[in-house]
Amino acid sequence: MKFYVMDHTGHSTLEFSAAQKAKAQKTFDALLAEGKIAGTRRAGETDYVKVKAFSELADETTFTPPRVGG
């Protein structure tokens, strides 16, 4: 499972094994608490789906900063 965390400098990649599910969920919740928006996809899919809850079935999760302004 990979997390891509976007910010103003680009992105960082966090990788978790199946045995690290608890750590991945804690990281997911912390990033959402910071205001990040999460989108997930499974292997073979091309589109991300916006989510608000952790899923161990997601192969990739991208976290983006919230949009500001108008």
N, C-alpha and C. Protein backbone atom coordinates (compact mmCIF):
# COMPACT_ATOMS: atom_id res chain seq x y z
N MET A 1 0.85 -1.16 0.00
CA MET A 1 0.00 0.00 0.00
C MET A 1 0.90 1.23 0.00
N LYS A 2 0.59 2.18 -0.89
CA LYS A 2 1.38 3.40 -1.00
C LYS A 2 0.50 4.61 -0.74
N PHE A 3 1.07 5.57 -0.03
CA PHE A 3 0.45 6.87 0.17
C PHE A 3 1.33 7.90 -0.54
N TYR A 4 0.72 8.74 -1.35
CA TYR A 4 1.41 9.86 -1.98
C TYR A 4 0.87 11.12 -1.31
N VAL A 5 1.74 11.89 -0.68
CA VAL A 5 1.33 13.09 0.05
C VAL A 5 1.85 14.30 -0.71
N MET A 6 0.92 15.07 -1.28
CA MET A 6 1.26 16.24 -2.08
C MET A 6 1.38 17.47 -1.19
N ASP A 7 2.34 18.33 -1.53
CA ASP A 7 2.45 19.64 -0.88
C ASP A 7 3.07 20.62 -1.87
N HIS A 8 3.41 21.80 -1.41
CA HIS A 8 3.90 22.85 -2.31
C HIS A 8 5.27 22.54 -2.92
N THR A 9 5.97 21.54 -2.38
CA THR A 9 7.30 21.20 -2.92
C THR A 9 7.26 19.99 -3.86
N GLY A 10 6.12 19.38 -4.01
CA GLY A 10 6.00 18.16 -4.82
C GLY A 10 5.22 17.11 -4.05
N HIS A 11 5.84 15.95 -3.85
CA HIS A 11 5.18 14.92 -3.06
C HIS A 11 6.19 14.02 -2.38
N SER A 12 5.71 13.34 -1.35
CA SER A 12 6.51 12.30 -0.70
C SER A 12 5.72 11.00 -0.76
N THR A 13 6.42 9.89 -0.78
CA THR A 13 5.79 8.58 -0.87
C THR A 13 6.02 7.81 0.41
N LEU A 14 4.94 7.27 0.97
CA LEU A 14 5.02 6.43 2.16
C LEU A 14 4.53 5.04 1.76
N GLU A 15 5.28 4.00 2.07
CA GLU A 15 4.88 2.64 1.73
C GLU A 15 4.66 1.83 3.01
N PHE A 16 3.60 1.02 2.99
CA PHE A 16 3.25 0.18 4.13
C PHE A 16 3.04 -1.25 3.65
N SER A 17 3.54 -2.21 4.41
CA SER A 17 3.30 -3.61 4.10
C SER A 17 1.94 -4.01 4.69
N ALA A 18 1.47 -5.19 4.34
CA ALA A 18 0.19 -5.67 4.87
C ALA A 18 0.24 -5.78 6.40
N ALA A 19 1.41 -6.07 6.94
CA ALA A 19 1.56 -6.20 8.39
C ALA A 19 1.50 -4.84 9.11
N GLN A 20 1.61 -3.75 8.37
CA GLN A 20 1.62 -2.41 8.96
C GLN A 20 0.27 -1.71 8.82
N LYS A 21 -0.81 -2.46 8.77
CA LYS A 21 -2.14 -1.88 8.58
C LYS A 21 -2.47 -0.83 9.65
N ALA A 22 -2.18 -1.12 10.91
CA ALA A 22 -2.50 -0.18 11.99
C ALA A 22 -1.73 1.13 11.82
N LYS A 23 -0.47 1.04 11.42
CA LYS A 23 0.34 2.25 11.20
C LYS A 23 -0.21 3.04 10.01
N ALA A 24 -0.59 2.34 8.95
CA ALA A 24 -1.16 3.01 7.78
C ALA A 24 -2.46 3.73 8.13
N GLN A 25 -3.31 3.07 8.92
CA GLN A 25 -4.57 3.69 9.30
C GLN A 25 -4.34 4.92 10.17
N LYS A 26 -3.39 4.84 11.08
CA LYS A 26 -3.07 5.98 11.95
C LYS A 26 -2.55 7.16 11.11
N THR A 27 -1.69 6.86 10.13
CA THR A 27 -1.16 7.89 9.24
C THR A 27 -2.27 8.49 8.40
N PHE A 28 -3.16 7.65 7.87
CA PHE A 28 -4.30 8.11 7.08
C PHE A 28 -5.14 9.10 7.91
N ASP A 29 -5.49 8.70 9.12
CA ASP A 29 -6.31 9.56 9.98
C ASP A 29 -5.61 10.87 10.32
N ALA A 30 -4.30 10.83 10.54
CA ALA A 30 -3.54 12.04 10.86
C ALA A 30 -3.53 13.00 9.67
N LEU A 31 -3.37 12.48 8.46
CA LEU A 31 -3.36 13.33 7.27
C LEU A 31 -4.72 13.96 7.03
N LEU A 32 -5.79 13.21 7.26
CA LEU A 32 -7.13 13.80 7.14
C LEU A 32 -7.35 14.87 8.19
N ALA A 33 -6.85 14.66 9.39
CA ALA A 33 -6.99 15.64 10.46
C ALA A 33 -6.26 16.95 10.12
N GLU A 34 -5.20 16.85 9.31
CA GLU A 34 -4.48 18.04 8.85
C GLU A 34 -5.25 18.80 7.78
N GLY A 35 -6.34 18.21 7.29
CA GLY A 35 -7.13 18.87 6.26
C GLY A 35 -6.89 18.35 4.85
N LYS A 36 -6.04 17.35 4.72
CA LYS A 36 -5.76 16.78 3.39
C LYS A 36 -7.00 16.06 2.86
N ILE A 37 -7.10 15.98 1.54
CA ILE A 37 -8.19 15.27 0.87
C ILE A 37 -7.60 13.98 0.32
N ALA A 38 -8.28 12.86 0.57
CA ALA A 38 -7.77 11.55 0.17
C ALA A 38 -8.54 10.99 -1.02
N GLY A 39 -7.79 10.42 -1.95
CA GLY A 39 -8.37 9.70 -3.08
C GLY A 39 -7.66 8.37 -3.22
N THR A 40 -8.42 7.28 -3.43
CA THR A 40 -7.81 5.95 -3.51
C THR A 40 -8.11 5.29 -4.85
N ARG A 41 -7.27 4.30 -5.17
CA ARG A 41 -7.55 3.43 -6.31
C ARG A 41 -6.90 2.08 -6.06
N ARG A 42 -7.44 1.07 -6.71
CA ARG A 42 -6.90 -0.28 -6.62
C ARG A 42 -6.06 -0.56 -7.86
N ALA A 43 -5.25 -1.59 -7.80
CA ALA A 43 -4.41 -1.98 -8.93
C ALA A 43 -5.26 -2.20 -10.17
N GLY A 44 -4.82 -1.65 -11.29
CA GLY A 44 -5.54 -1.81 -12.55
C GLY A 44 -6.56 -0.73 -12.82
N GLU A 45 -6.91 0.07 -11.82
CA GLU A 45 -7.86 1.16 -12.01
C GLU A 45 -7.11 2.42 -12.43
N THR A 46 -7.78 3.28 -13.17
CA THR A 46 -7.14 4.52 -13.61
C THR A 46 -7.65 5.74 -12.87
N ASP A 47 -8.85 5.67 -12.31
CA ASP A 47 -9.45 6.82 -11.63
C ASP A 47 -9.36 6.67 -10.12
N TYR A 48 -9.13 7.81 -9.47
CA TYR A 48 -9.14 7.85 -8.01
C TYR A 48 -10.56 8.17 -7.54
N VAL A 49 -10.92 7.66 -6.38
CA VAL A 49 -12.22 7.91 -5.76
C VAL A 49 -11.97 8.62 -4.44
N LYS A 50 -12.63 9.76 -4.23
CA LYS A 50 -12.48 10.50 -2.98
C LYS A 50 -13.05 9.67 -1.83
N VAL A 51 -12.29 9.57 -0.75
CA VAL A 51 -12.72 8.79 0.42
C VAL A 51 -12.50 9.59 1.70
N LYS A 52 -13.23 9.20 2.74
CA LYS A 52 -13.07 9.83 4.05
C LYS A 52 -12.75 8.80 5.13
N ALA A 53 -12.61 7.53 4.71
CA ALA A 53 -12.30 6.46 5.66
C ALA A 53 -11.22 5.56 5.07
N PHE A 54 -10.39 5.03 5.94
CA PHE A 54 -9.31 4.14 5.54
C PHE A 54 -9.86 2.83 4.98
N SER A 55 -9.22 2.34 3.93
CA SER A 55 -9.56 1.04 3.37
C SER A 55 -8.27 0.28 3.08
N GLU A 56 -8.15 -0.90 3.66
CA GLU A 56 -6.95 -1.71 3.42
C GLU A 56 -6.95 -2.31 2.02
N LEU A 57 -8.06 -2.19 1.29
CA LEU A 57 -8.16 -2.71 -0.07
C LEU A 57 -7.54 -1.78 -1.10
N ALA A 58 -7.33 -0.53 -0.74
CA ALA A 58 -6.74 0.44 -1.68
C ALA A 58 -5.26 0.16 -1.84
N ASP A 59 -4.80 0.16 -3.09
CA ASP A 59 -3.38 -0.04 -3.35
C ASP A 59 -2.61 1.28 -3.30
N GLU A 60 -3.27 2.37 -3.71
CA GLU A 60 -2.66 3.69 -3.69
C GLU A 60 -3.65 4.69 -3.11
N THR A 61 -3.13 5.60 -2.31
CA THR A 61 -3.93 6.70 -1.79
C THR A 61 -3.13 7.98 -2.00
N THR A 62 -3.75 8.97 -2.61
CA THR A 62 -3.13 10.26 -2.81
C THR A 62 -3.79 11.28 -1.89
N PHE A 63 -2.97 12.03 -1.18
CA PHE A 63 -3.46 13.07 -0.28
C PHE A 63 -3.08 14.42 -0.87
N THR A 64 -4.06 15.28 -1.07
CA THR A 64 -3.81 16.61 -1.63
C THR A 64 -4.25 17.66 -0.61
N PRO A 65 -3.61 18.82 -0.66
CA PRO A 65 -4.05 19.90 0.22
C PRO A 65 -5.45 20.37 -0.19
N PRO A 66 -6.21 20.93 0.75
CA PRO A 66 -7.52 21.44 0.39
C PRO A 66 -7.39 22.65 -0.54
N ARG A 67 -8.36 22.83 -1.39
CA ARG A 67 -8.35 24.02 -2.26
C ARG A 67 -8.75 25.23 -1.45
N VAL A 68 -8.06 26.32 -1.72
CA VAL A 68 -8.32 27.57 -1.00
C VAL A 68 -8.54 28.67 -2.02
N GLY A 69 -9.48 29.52 -1.75
CA GLY A 69 -9.73 30.63 -2.66
C GLY A 69 -10.90 30.36 -3.57
N GLY A 70 -10.98 31.14 -4.63
CA GLY A 70 -12.14 30.95 -5.50
C GLY A 70 -11.92 31.37 -6.90
